[in-house]
Amino acid sequence: MAEQAELVRVARARLDSLTVLDNGVARQKKRSRALRRAVLAAAFEGKLTGRHADDEVIEEMAAAR
């Protein structure tokens, strides 16, 4: 009977761990979706082009001539 109680205790502990992991995965999926939306929004707004940096390089090249 003691062995069975120990097995039940171990099984419950593992289930608790799985629940914690599952909740963490769900949070990360939600975060991933939010980040994906933010990146797409930034892309459509032209914020990911690096254009500002390109403009500086062009100005430096023009000044060097």
N, C-alpha and C. Protein backbone atom coordinates (compact mmCIF):
# COMPACT_ATOMS: atom_id res chain seq x y z
N MET A 1 0.82 -1.20 0.00
CA MET A 1 0.00 0.00 0.00
C MET A 1 0.86 1.27 0.00
N ALA A 2 1.99 1.23 0.71
CA ALA A 2 2.89 2.38 0.75
C ALA A 2 3.48 2.63 -0.64
N GLU A 3 3.78 1.56 -1.34
CA GLU A 3 4.33 1.71 -2.69
C GLU A 3 3.31 2.36 -3.62
N GLN A 4 2.07 1.97 -3.49
CA GLN A 4 1.01 2.55 -4.32
C GLN A 4 0.84 4.03 -3.99
N ALA A 5 0.87 4.38 -2.72
CA ALA A 5 0.74 5.78 -2.32
C ALA A 5 1.90 6.61 -2.89
N GLU A 6 3.10 6.04 -2.89
CA GLU A 6 4.26 6.74 -3.44
C GLU A 6 4.11 6.94 -4.95
N LEU A 7 3.61 5.92 -5.63
CA LEU A 7 3.38 6.05 -7.07
C LEU A 7 2.35 7.14 -7.37
N VAL A 8 1.30 7.20 -6.57
CA VAL A 8 0.28 8.23 -6.75
C VAL A 8 0.88 9.61 -6.51
N ARG A 9 1.71 9.73 -5.47
CA ARG A 9 2.35 11.01 -5.16
C ARG A 9 3.25 11.46 -6.31
N VAL A 10 4.04 10.54 -6.84
CA VAL A 10 4.93 10.86 -7.95
C VAL A 10 4.12 11.24 -9.19
N ALA A 11 3.06 10.51 -9.47
CA ALA A 11 2.22 10.80 -10.63
C ALA A 11 1.59 12.19 -10.51
N ARG A 12 1.10 12.53 -9.32
CA ARG A 12 0.50 13.85 -9.12
C ARG A 12 1.54 14.96 -9.27
N ALA A 13 2.73 14.73 -8.76
CA ALA A 13 3.79 15.72 -8.89
C ALA A 13 4.13 15.94 -10.36
N ARG A 14 4.17 14.88 -11.12
CA ARG A 14 4.48 15.00 -12.55
C ARG A 14 3.35 15.70 -13.30
N LEU A 15 2.12 15.39 -12.92
CA LEU A 15 0.98 16.07 -13.55
C LEU A 15 1.01 17.56 -13.23
N ASP A 16 1.36 17.90 -11.99
CA ASP A 16 1.48 19.31 -11.63
C ASP A 16 2.56 19.99 -12.48
N SER A 17 3.67 19.31 -12.66
CA SER A 17 4.75 19.86 -13.49
C SER A 17 4.29 20.05 -14.93
N LEU A 18 3.56 19.07 -15.44
CA LEU A 18 3.05 19.18 -16.81
C LEU A 18 2.07 20.34 -16.94
N THR A 19 1.27 20.56 -15.93
CA THR A 19 0.32 21.68 -15.95
C THR A 19 1.07 23.00 -16.00
N VAL A 20 2.12 23.12 -15.20
CA VAL A 20 2.93 24.34 -15.21
C VAL A 20 3.56 24.54 -16.60
N LEU A 21 4.11 23.49 -17.16
CA LEU A 21 4.71 23.58 -18.49
C LEU A 21 3.68 23.94 -19.55
N ASP A 22 2.52 23.33 -19.48
CA ASP A 22 1.46 23.61 -20.45
C ASP A 22 1.03 25.07 -20.37
N ASN A 23 0.92 25.59 -19.16
CA ASN A 23 0.56 27.00 -18.99
C ASN A 23 1.64 27.91 -19.57
N GLY A 24 2.89 27.53 -19.37
CA GLY A 24 4.00 28.31 -19.93
C GLY A 24 3.98 28.31 -21.44
N VAL A 25 3.70 27.16 -22.03
CA VAL A 25 3.62 27.06 -23.49
C VAL A 25 2.48 27.94 -24.01
N ALA A 26 1.35 27.91 -23.33
CA ALA A 26 0.21 28.73 -23.74
C ALA A 26 0.56 30.22 -23.68
N ARG A 27 1.26 30.63 -22.63
CA ARG A 27 1.67 32.04 -22.52
C ARG A 27 2.62 32.42 -23.65
N GLN A 28 3.56 31.53 -23.97
CA GLN A 28 4.53 31.83 -25.02
C GLN A 28 3.87 31.87 -26.40
N LYS A 29 2.87 31.02 -26.62
CA LYS A 29 2.14 31.07 -27.89
C LYS A 29 1.42 32.40 -28.03
N LYS A 30 0.81 32.85 -26.93
CA LYS A 30 0.10 34.13 -26.95
C LYS A 30 1.09 35.26 -27.21
N ARG A 31 2.23 35.21 -26.56
CA ARG A 31 3.27 36.24 -26.76
C ARG A 31 3.77 36.21 -28.21
N SER A 32 3.95 35.02 -28.75
CA SER A 32 4.42 34.88 -30.13
C SER A 32 3.42 35.50 -31.10
N ARG A 33 2.14 35.26 -30.88
CA ARG A 33 1.13 35.86 -31.76
C ARG A 33 1.16 37.38 -31.67
N ALA A 34 1.32 37.91 -30.46
CA ALA A 34 1.37 39.36 -30.29
C ALA A 34 2.60 39.94 -30.97
N LEU A 35 3.74 39.28 -30.83
CA LEU A 35 4.96 39.75 -31.48
C LEU A 35 4.84 39.69 -33.00
N ARG A 36 4.22 38.63 -33.50
CA ARG A 36 4.03 38.51 -34.95
C ARG A 36 3.17 39.67 -35.47
N ARG A 37 2.10 39.97 -34.73
CA ARG A 37 1.25 41.10 -35.14
C ARG A 37 2.03 42.41 -35.11
N ALA A 38 2.85 42.59 -34.08
CA ALA A 38 3.63 43.83 -33.95
C ALA A 38 4.64 43.95 -35.08
N VAL A 39 5.29 42.85 -35.43
CA VAL A 39 6.27 42.88 -36.52
C VAL A 39 5.58 43.18 -37.85
N LEU A 40 4.45 42.54 -38.09
CA LEU A 40 3.72 42.81 -39.34
C LEU A 40 3.25 44.26 -39.40
N ALA A 41 2.75 44.77 -38.28
CA ALA A 41 2.31 46.17 -38.25
C ALA A 41 3.48 47.10 -38.54
N ALA A 42 4.61 46.83 -37.92
CA ALA A 42 5.80 47.66 -38.15
C ALA A 42 6.25 47.57 -39.60
N ALA A 43 6.16 46.40 -40.18
CA ALA A 43 6.56 46.22 -41.58
C ALA A 43 5.65 47.02 -42.51
N PHE A 44 4.35 46.96 -42.27
CA PHE A 44 3.42 47.69 -43.12
C PHE A 44 3.54 49.20 -42.93
N GLU A 45 4.04 49.62 -41.78
CA GLU A 45 4.25 51.05 -41.53
C GLU A 45 5.62 51.51 -42.01
N GLY A 46 6.40 50.60 -42.57
CA GLY A 46 7.71 50.95 -43.10
C GLY A 46 8.78 51.15 -42.05
N LYS A 47 8.56 50.61 -40.87
CA LYS A 47 9.50 50.81 -39.78
C LYS A 47 10.63 49.78 -39.76
N LEU A 48 10.61 48.82 -40.65
CA LEU A 48 11.62 47.77 -40.64
C LEU A 48 12.59 47.87 -41.82
N THR A 49 12.51 48.94 -42.56
CA THR A 49 13.30 49.02 -43.78
C THR A 49 14.74 49.43 -43.55
N GLY A 50 15.05 50.08 -42.45
CA GLY A 50 16.39 50.57 -42.23
C GLY A 50 16.70 51.76 -43.13
N ARG A 51 15.68 52.37 -43.64
CA ARG A 51 15.85 53.46 -44.60
C ARG A 51 16.63 54.62 -44.01
N HIS A 52 16.39 54.93 -42.75
CA HIS A 52 17.09 56.04 -42.11
C HIS A 52 18.60 55.82 -42.19
N ALA A 53 19.03 54.63 -41.90
CA ALA A 53 20.46 54.30 -41.95
C ALA A 53 20.97 54.39 -43.40
N ASP A 54 20.17 53.95 -44.35
CA ASP A 54 20.56 54.02 -45.76
C ASP A 54 20.73 55.47 -46.20
N ASP A 55 19.83 56.33 -45.76
CA ASP A 55 19.92 57.75 -46.11
C ASP A 55 21.22 58.36 -45.58
N GLU A 56 21.61 57.98 -44.38
CA GLU A 56 22.86 58.49 -43.81
C GLU A 56 24.06 58.04 -44.64
N VAL A 57 24.07 56.81 -45.07
CA VAL A 57 25.17 56.29 -45.89
C VAL A 57 25.25 57.04 -47.21
N ILE A 58 24.12 57.28 -47.83
CA ILE A 58 24.10 58.01 -49.11
C ILE A 58 24.63 59.42 -48.92
N GLU A 59 24.22 60.07 -47.83
CA GLU A 59 24.70 61.43 -47.56
C GLU A 59 26.21 61.43 -47.34
N GLU A 60 26.72 60.44 -46.62
CA GLU A 60 28.16 60.35 -46.38
C GLU A 60 28.92 60.12 -47.69
N MET A 61 28.37 59.28 -48.56
CA MET A 61 29.03 59.02 -49.84
C MET A 61 29.03 60.27 -50.70
N ALA A 62 27.93 61.01 -50.69
CA ALA A 62 27.84 62.23 -51.48
C ALA A 62 28.81 63.28 -50.95
N ALA A 63 28.95 63.35 -49.65
CA ALA A 63 29.86 64.33 -49.04
C ALA A 63 31.32 63.98 -49.32
N ALA A 64 31.61 62.70 -49.49
CA ALA A 64 32.98 62.26 -49.72
C ALA A 64 33.44 62.57 -51.14
N ARG A 65 32.54 62.82 -52.06
CA ARG A 65 32.90 63.07 -53.47
C ARG A 65 33.42 64.42 -53.66
